[in-house]
Amino acid sequence: MSQITGKYLILIGIAVVVIGAIIYLFSDKLHWLGRLPGDIRVEKENFRFYFPVVTMLLLSGLLNLIIWLVRKFFG
C-alpha cells in the first residue's frame, strides 16, 4: 500500500514541476490566464484583493477532463 502511495506522490511531484516549467517558459503567452472576465479584482491605494473565480473553474474543468480521459483509456 505504501509503495502505491509513494508512486502517486512522485507522479504528482513530477506533474507539478512540469506544469511549473510550462508556466515559467510560456508566461508571456499565458498573460490572459488569471485575467479572465469574471475574475474578482479590487485595487485601492493600500489594498489589493484578487480572486480568480473563472480561471479556477476553467482549470478545474480541464483537470477533471484530463483525469476522466486517463481513467477511461488507462483504467
N, C-alpha and C. Protein backbone atom coordinates (compact mmCIF):
# COMPACT_ATOMS: atom_id res chain seq x y z
N MET A 1 0.81 -1.19 0.00
CA MET A 1 0.00 0.00 0.00
C MET A 1 0.86 1.26 0.00
N SER A 2 1.93 1.26 0.79
CA SER A 2 2.76 2.46 0.86
C SER A 2 3.57 2.67 -0.42
N GLN A 3 3.87 1.58 -1.14
CA GLN A 3 4.58 1.74 -2.41
C GLN A 3 3.70 2.44 -3.44
N ILE A 4 2.41 2.11 -3.45
CA ILE A 4 1.48 2.76 -4.38
C ILE A 4 1.37 4.24 -4.04
N THR A 5 1.25 4.56 -2.75
CA THR A 5 1.17 5.95 -2.33
C THR A 5 2.43 6.71 -2.71
N GLY A 6 3.58 6.09 -2.53
CA GLY A 6 4.84 6.72 -2.91
C GLY A 6 4.91 6.99 -4.40
N LYS A 7 4.43 6.06 -5.21
CA LYS A 7 4.43 6.26 -6.67
C LYS A 7 3.53 7.42 -7.06
N TYR A 8 2.35 7.50 -6.43
CA TYR A 8 1.44 8.60 -6.73
C TYR A 8 2.05 9.94 -6.31
N LEU A 9 2.70 9.99 -5.17
CA LEU A 9 3.34 11.23 -4.73
C LEU A 9 4.44 11.66 -5.69
N ILE A 10 5.20 10.71 -6.18
CA ILE A 10 6.25 11.03 -7.16
C ILE A 10 5.64 11.55 -8.45
N LEU A 11 4.58 10.91 -8.93
CA LEU A 11 3.91 11.36 -10.15
C LEU A 11 3.31 12.76 -9.98
N ILE A 12 2.71 13.02 -8.83
CA ILE A 12 2.16 14.34 -8.57
C ILE A 12 3.27 15.38 -8.54
N GLY A 13 4.39 15.05 -7.92
CA GLY A 13 5.53 15.97 -7.88
C GLY A 13 6.07 16.27 -9.27
N ILE A 14 6.18 15.24 -10.09
CA ILE A 14 6.65 15.45 -11.47
C ILE A 14 5.66 16.32 -12.24
N ALA A 15 4.37 16.09 -12.04
CA ALA A 15 3.35 16.89 -12.72
C ALA A 15 3.44 18.36 -12.30
N VAL A 16 3.67 18.60 -11.01
CA VAL A 16 3.79 19.98 -10.53
C VAL A 16 5.01 20.66 -11.15
N VAL A 17 6.12 19.94 -11.23
CA VAL A 17 7.33 20.50 -11.84
C VAL A 17 7.11 20.81 -13.32
N VAL A 18 6.46 19.89 -14.04
CA VAL A 18 6.22 20.10 -15.47
C VAL A 18 5.28 21.29 -15.68
N ILE A 19 4.20 21.37 -14.90
CA ILE A 19 3.27 22.50 -15.04
C ILE A 19 3.97 23.80 -14.68
N GLY A 20 4.78 23.80 -13.64
CA GLY A 20 5.54 24.99 -13.27
C GLY A 20 6.50 25.42 -14.37
N ALA A 21 7.16 24.47 -15.00
CA ALA A 21 8.09 24.80 -16.10
C ALA A 21 7.33 25.36 -17.30
N ILE A 22 6.18 24.80 -17.60
CA ILE A 22 5.37 25.31 -18.72
C ILE A 22 4.93 26.74 -18.44
N ILE A 23 4.46 27.00 -17.24
CA ILE A 23 4.03 28.36 -16.89
C ILE A 23 5.22 29.31 -16.93
N TYR A 24 6.36 28.89 -16.45
CA TYR A 24 7.55 29.74 -16.46
C TYR A 24 8.02 30.04 -17.88
N LEU A 25 8.05 29.03 -18.72
CA LEU A 25 8.57 29.21 -20.08
C LEU A 25 7.60 29.96 -20.98
N PHE A 26 6.30 29.79 -20.77
CA PHE A 26 5.31 30.39 -21.65
C PHE A 26 4.50 31.48 -20.95
N SER A 27 5.07 32.11 -19.93
CA SER A 27 4.31 33.11 -19.18
C SER A 27 3.97 34.33 -20.04
N ASP A 28 4.79 34.64 -21.03
CA ASP A 28 4.46 35.78 -21.90
C ASP A 28 3.28 35.47 -22.81
N LYS A 29 3.04 34.20 -23.11
CA LYS A 29 1.91 33.81 -23.95
C LYS A 29 0.67 33.47 -23.12
N LEU A 30 0.82 33.30 -21.82
CA LEU A 30 -0.29 32.97 -20.95
C LEU A 30 -0.72 34.18 -20.11
N HIS A 31 -0.53 35.37 -20.61
CA HIS A 31 -0.85 36.57 -19.84
C HIS A 31 -2.34 36.69 -19.55
N TRP A 32 -3.19 36.03 -20.33
CA TRP A 32 -4.63 36.07 -20.12
C TRP A 32 -5.06 35.19 -18.95
N LEU A 33 -4.21 34.23 -18.59
CA LEU A 33 -4.54 33.32 -17.50
C LEU A 33 -4.57 34.08 -16.18
N GLY A 34 -5.71 34.09 -15.54
CA GLY A 34 -5.86 34.84 -14.30
C GLY A 34 -6.46 36.20 -14.51
N ARG A 35 -6.74 36.57 -15.74
CA ARG A 35 -7.33 37.87 -16.05
C ARG A 35 -8.58 37.70 -16.91
N LEU A 36 -9.29 36.62 -16.69
CA LEU A 36 -10.49 36.34 -17.47
C LEU A 36 -11.66 37.16 -16.95
N PRO A 37 -12.65 37.40 -17.81
CA PRO A 37 -13.85 38.08 -17.32
C PRO A 37 -14.52 37.23 -16.24
N GLY A 38 -14.86 37.84 -15.14
CA GLY A 38 -15.44 37.12 -14.03
C GLY A 38 -14.48 36.93 -12.88
N ASP A 39 -13.20 37.13 -13.10
CA ASP A 39 -12.23 37.09 -12.01
C ASP A 39 -12.39 38.36 -11.18
N ILE A 40 -12.43 38.21 -9.87
CA ILE A 40 -12.66 39.34 -8.98
C ILE A 40 -11.33 40.02 -8.69
N ARG A 41 -11.32 41.33 -8.90
CA ARG A 41 -10.09 42.10 -8.72
C ARG A 41 -10.45 43.46 -8.12
N VAL A 42 -9.93 43.75 -6.93
CA VAL A 42 -10.17 45.03 -6.27
C VAL A 42 -8.81 45.64 -5.96
N GLU A 43 -8.57 46.83 -6.50
CA GLU A 43 -7.30 47.52 -6.24
C GLU A 43 -7.61 48.91 -5.71
N LYS A 44 -7.05 49.22 -4.55
CA LYS A 44 -7.17 50.54 -3.97
C LYS A 44 -5.78 51.03 -3.62
N GLU A 45 -5.68 52.15 -2.95
CA GLU A 45 -4.37 52.74 -2.66
C GLU A 45 -3.45 51.78 -1.90
N ASN A 46 -3.90 51.29 -0.77
CA ASN A 46 -3.06 50.43 0.07
C ASN A 46 -3.59 49.01 0.19
N PHE A 47 -4.43 48.63 -0.74
CA PHE A 47 -5.08 47.33 -0.63
C PHE A 47 -5.26 46.72 -2.01
N ARG A 48 -4.98 45.44 -2.10
CA ARG A 48 -5.15 44.71 -3.35
C ARG A 48 -5.76 43.35 -3.04
N PHE A 49 -6.90 43.05 -3.67
CA PHE A 49 -7.56 41.76 -3.47
C PHE A 49 -7.81 41.15 -4.83
N TYR A 50 -7.46 39.88 -4.97
CA TYR A 50 -7.59 39.21 -6.26
C TYR A 50 -8.08 37.79 -6.02
N PHE A 51 -9.18 37.44 -6.68
CA PHE A 51 -9.75 36.11 -6.55
C PHE A 51 -10.15 35.62 -7.94
N PRO A 52 -9.35 34.74 -8.56
CA PRO A 52 -9.59 34.30 -9.94
C PRO A 52 -10.66 33.20 -10.04
N VAL A 53 -11.93 33.58 -9.89
CA VAL A 53 -13.02 32.62 -9.86
C VAL A 53 -13.12 31.86 -11.18
N VAL A 54 -13.23 32.56 -12.28
CA VAL A 54 -13.43 31.92 -13.58
C VAL A 54 -12.19 31.13 -13.99
N THR A 55 -11.03 31.65 -13.72
CA THR A 55 -9.80 30.93 -14.04
C THR A 55 -9.74 29.59 -13.30
N MET A 56 -10.11 29.59 -12.02
CA MET A 56 -10.07 28.36 -11.24
C MET A 56 -11.14 27.37 -11.73
N LEU A 57 -12.32 27.87 -12.12
CA LEU A 57 -13.34 26.98 -12.67
C LEU A 57 -12.88 26.36 -13.98
N LEU A 58 -12.24 27.16 -14.82
CA LEU A 58 -11.72 26.65 -16.09
C LEU A 58 -10.64 25.60 -15.87
N LEU A 59 -9.71 25.86 -14.98
CA LEU A 59 -8.64 24.90 -14.70
C LEU A 59 -9.20 23.64 -14.04
N SER A 60 -10.20 23.78 -13.18
CA SER A 60 -10.81 22.62 -12.55
C SER A 60 -11.50 21.74 -13.59
N GLY A 61 -12.23 22.35 -14.49
CA GLY A 61 -12.88 21.59 -15.56
C GLY A 61 -11.89 20.88 -16.44
N LEU A 62 -10.81 21.56 -16.79
CA LEU A 62 -9.77 20.96 -17.62
C LEU A 62 -9.10 19.79 -16.91
N LEU A 63 -8.79 19.96 -15.64
CA LEU A 63 -8.18 18.89 -14.87
C LEU A 63 -9.12 17.69 -14.73
N ASN A 64 -10.40 17.96 -14.50
CA ASN A 64 -11.38 16.86 -14.42
C ASN A 64 -11.48 16.12 -15.74
N LEU A 65 -11.44 16.83 -16.86
CA LEU A 65 -11.48 16.20 -18.17
C LEU A 65 -10.26 15.31 -18.39
N ILE A 66 -9.10 15.79 -18.01
CA ILE A 66 -7.87 15.01 -18.16
C ILE A 66 -7.93 13.75 -17.30
N ILE A 67 -8.38 13.89 -16.06
CA ILE A 67 -8.48 12.73 -15.18
C ILE A 67 -9.49 11.73 -15.72
N TRP A 68 -10.62 12.22 -16.22
CA TRP A 68 -11.64 11.33 -16.80
C TRP A 68 -11.09 10.57 -18.00
N LEU A 69 -10.36 11.26 -18.87
CA LEU A 69 -9.78 10.62 -20.04
C LEU A 69 -8.75 9.56 -19.66
N VAL A 70 -7.91 9.87 -18.68
CA VAL A 70 -6.90 8.91 -18.22
C VAL A 70 -7.58 7.68 -17.64
N ARG A 71 -8.61 7.87 -16.83
CA ARG A 71 -9.33 6.73 -16.26
C ARG A 71 -10.04 5.91 -17.32
N LYS A 72 -10.60 6.58 -18.31
CA LYS A 72 -11.34 5.88 -19.35
C LYS A 72 -10.43 5.01 -20.22
N PHE A 73 -9.27 5.55 -20.60
CA PHE A 73 -8.40 4.84 -21.53
C PHE A 73 -7.31 4.00 -20.85
N PHE A 74 -6.93 4.33 -19.62
CA PHE A 74 -5.86 3.59 -18.95
C PHE A 74 -6.30 2.91 -17.67
N GLY A 75 -7.56 3.05 -17.29
CA GLY A 75 -8.01 2.48 -16.01
C GLY A 75 -8.90 1.38 -16.18
